[in-house]
Amino acid sequence: MALRTIDPRDTTWEQDHADYRVYFWDRSTNTSYEYEILDQVDIGELLAWPRQYAAEHGWTHTVYAVADDDGRGLIRLDGVLGDPFG
């Protein structure tokens, strides 16, 4: 992991809460299950739930933060990188 110091004054806005989506990937059936988190949760709690739920079902998962900048987009926070069925 590469680190550098930053000047926190270089940002123009911040948001205390984010919207999140969780995708579960069942590779045995090439099926996905998608959820949007409706309440504001602590990021530790958010990351713990899909890890446990996916492990219980034998699936993998990806957690995204939802970003709105010239259209809705997703920023990966945890889990599978790239094509989950690849």
Protein backbone atom coordinates (compact mmCIF):
# COMPACT_ATOMS: atom_id res chain seq x y z
CA MET A 1 0.00 0.00 0.00
CA ALA A 2 1.46 3.36 -1.02
CA LEU A 3 0.85 6.38 1.21
CA ARG A 4 1.38 10.11 0.98
CA THR A 5 0.47 13.04 3.17
CA ILE A 6 -2.38 15.24 2.02
CA ASP A 7 -3.74 18.72 2.57
CA PRO A 8 -7.36 18.28 3.73
CA ARG A 9 -8.20 21.71 2.32
CA ASP A 10 -8.00 20.37 -1.26
CA THR A 11 -11.63 19.15 -1.20
CA THR A 12 -14.63 21.31 -2.01
CA TRP A 13 -17.31 19.21 -0.28
CA GLU A 14 -17.87 16.22 1.98
CA GLN A 15 -20.85 14.09 2.85
CA ASP A 16 -21.40 12.43 6.21
CA HIS A 17 -23.42 9.51 4.83
CA ALA A 18 -23.38 7.53 1.62
CA ASP A 19 -25.72 5.21 -0.22
CA TYR A 20 -24.44 1.67 -0.67
CA ARG A 21 -25.19 -1.33 -2.83
CA VAL A 22 -24.26 -4.93 -2.11
CA TYR A 23 -24.07 -7.55 -4.83
CA PHE A 24 -23.88 -11.27 -4.04
CA TRP A 25 -22.48 -13.58 -6.69
CA ASP A 26 -23.57 -17.24 -6.81
CA ARG A 27 -20.97 -18.66 -9.18
CA SER A 28 -22.54 -22.15 -9.16
CA THR A 29 -25.66 -20.83 -10.93
CA ASN A 30 -24.29 -17.59 -12.46
CA THR A 31 -26.86 -15.65 -10.47
CA SER A 32 -26.53 -12.29 -8.75
CA TYR A 33 -28.57 -10.81 -5.92
CA GLU A 34 -28.48 -7.04 -5.55
CA TYR A 35 -29.44 -4.93 -2.55
CA GLU A 36 -29.42 -1.24 -1.72
CA ILE A 37 -28.82 -0.33 1.91
CA LEU A 38 -31.74 1.88 2.97
CA ASP A 39 -30.51 3.21 6.30
CA GLN A 40 -27.30 4.91 7.35
CA VAL A 41 -24.89 2.34 8.76
CA ASP A 42 -21.38 2.32 10.10
CA ILE A 43 -18.93 1.16 7.43
CA GLY A 44 -17.63 -1.61 9.70
CA GLU A 45 -21.16 -2.96 10.14
CA LEU A 46 -21.81 -2.61 6.42
CA LEU A 47 -18.70 -4.58 5.45
CA ALA A 48 -19.26 -7.31 8.05
CA TRP A 49 -22.77 -8.22 6.90
CA PRO A 50 -22.03 -9.21 3.26
CA ARG A 51 -18.85 -11.04 4.24
CA GLN A 52 -20.78 -13.22 6.70
CA TYR A 53 -23.87 -13.64 4.48
CA ALA A 54 -21.77 -14.60 1.43
CA ALA A 55 -19.74 -17.10 3.47
CA GLU A 56 -22.93 -18.73 4.82
CA HIS A 57 -24.20 -19.26 1.25
CA GLY A 58 -20.90 -20.13 -0.43
CA TRP A 59 -21.08 -16.96 -2.55
CA THR A 60 -18.78 -14.03 -3.17
CA HIS A 61 -19.78 -10.39 -2.85
CA THR A 62 -19.00 -6.82 -3.82
CA VAL A 63 -19.84 -3.67 -1.83
CA TYR A 64 -20.15 -0.35 -3.64
CA ALA A 65 -20.70 3.26 -2.62
CA VAL A 66 -23.14 5.02 -4.94
CA ALA A 67 -21.80 8.20 -6.53
CA ASP A 68 -23.77 10.77 -8.50
CA ASP A 69 -21.51 12.76 -10.78
CA ASP A 70 -22.89 13.24 -14.29
CA GLY A 71 -25.00 10.14 -13.77
CA ARG A 72 -25.17 7.39 -11.21
CA GLY A 73 -22.02 5.32 -10.72
CA LEU A 74 -20.54 2.83 -8.29
CA ILE A 75 -17.25 2.88 -6.38
CA ARG A 76 -16.05 -0.55 -5.23
CA LEU A 77 -15.25 -0.68 -1.50
CA ASP A 78 -14.88 -4.39 -0.83
CA GLY A 79 -15.15 -7.79 -2.42
CA VAL A 80 -14.78 -9.14 -5.94
CA LEU A 81 -12.84 -7.01 -8.41
CA GLY A 82 -13.85 -7.34 -12.05
CA ASP A 83 -16.15 -9.95 -13.55
CA PRO A 84 -17.44 -12.16 -10.70
CA PHE A 85 -18.37 -14.92 -13.14
CA GLY A 86 -15.08 -14.81 -15.05
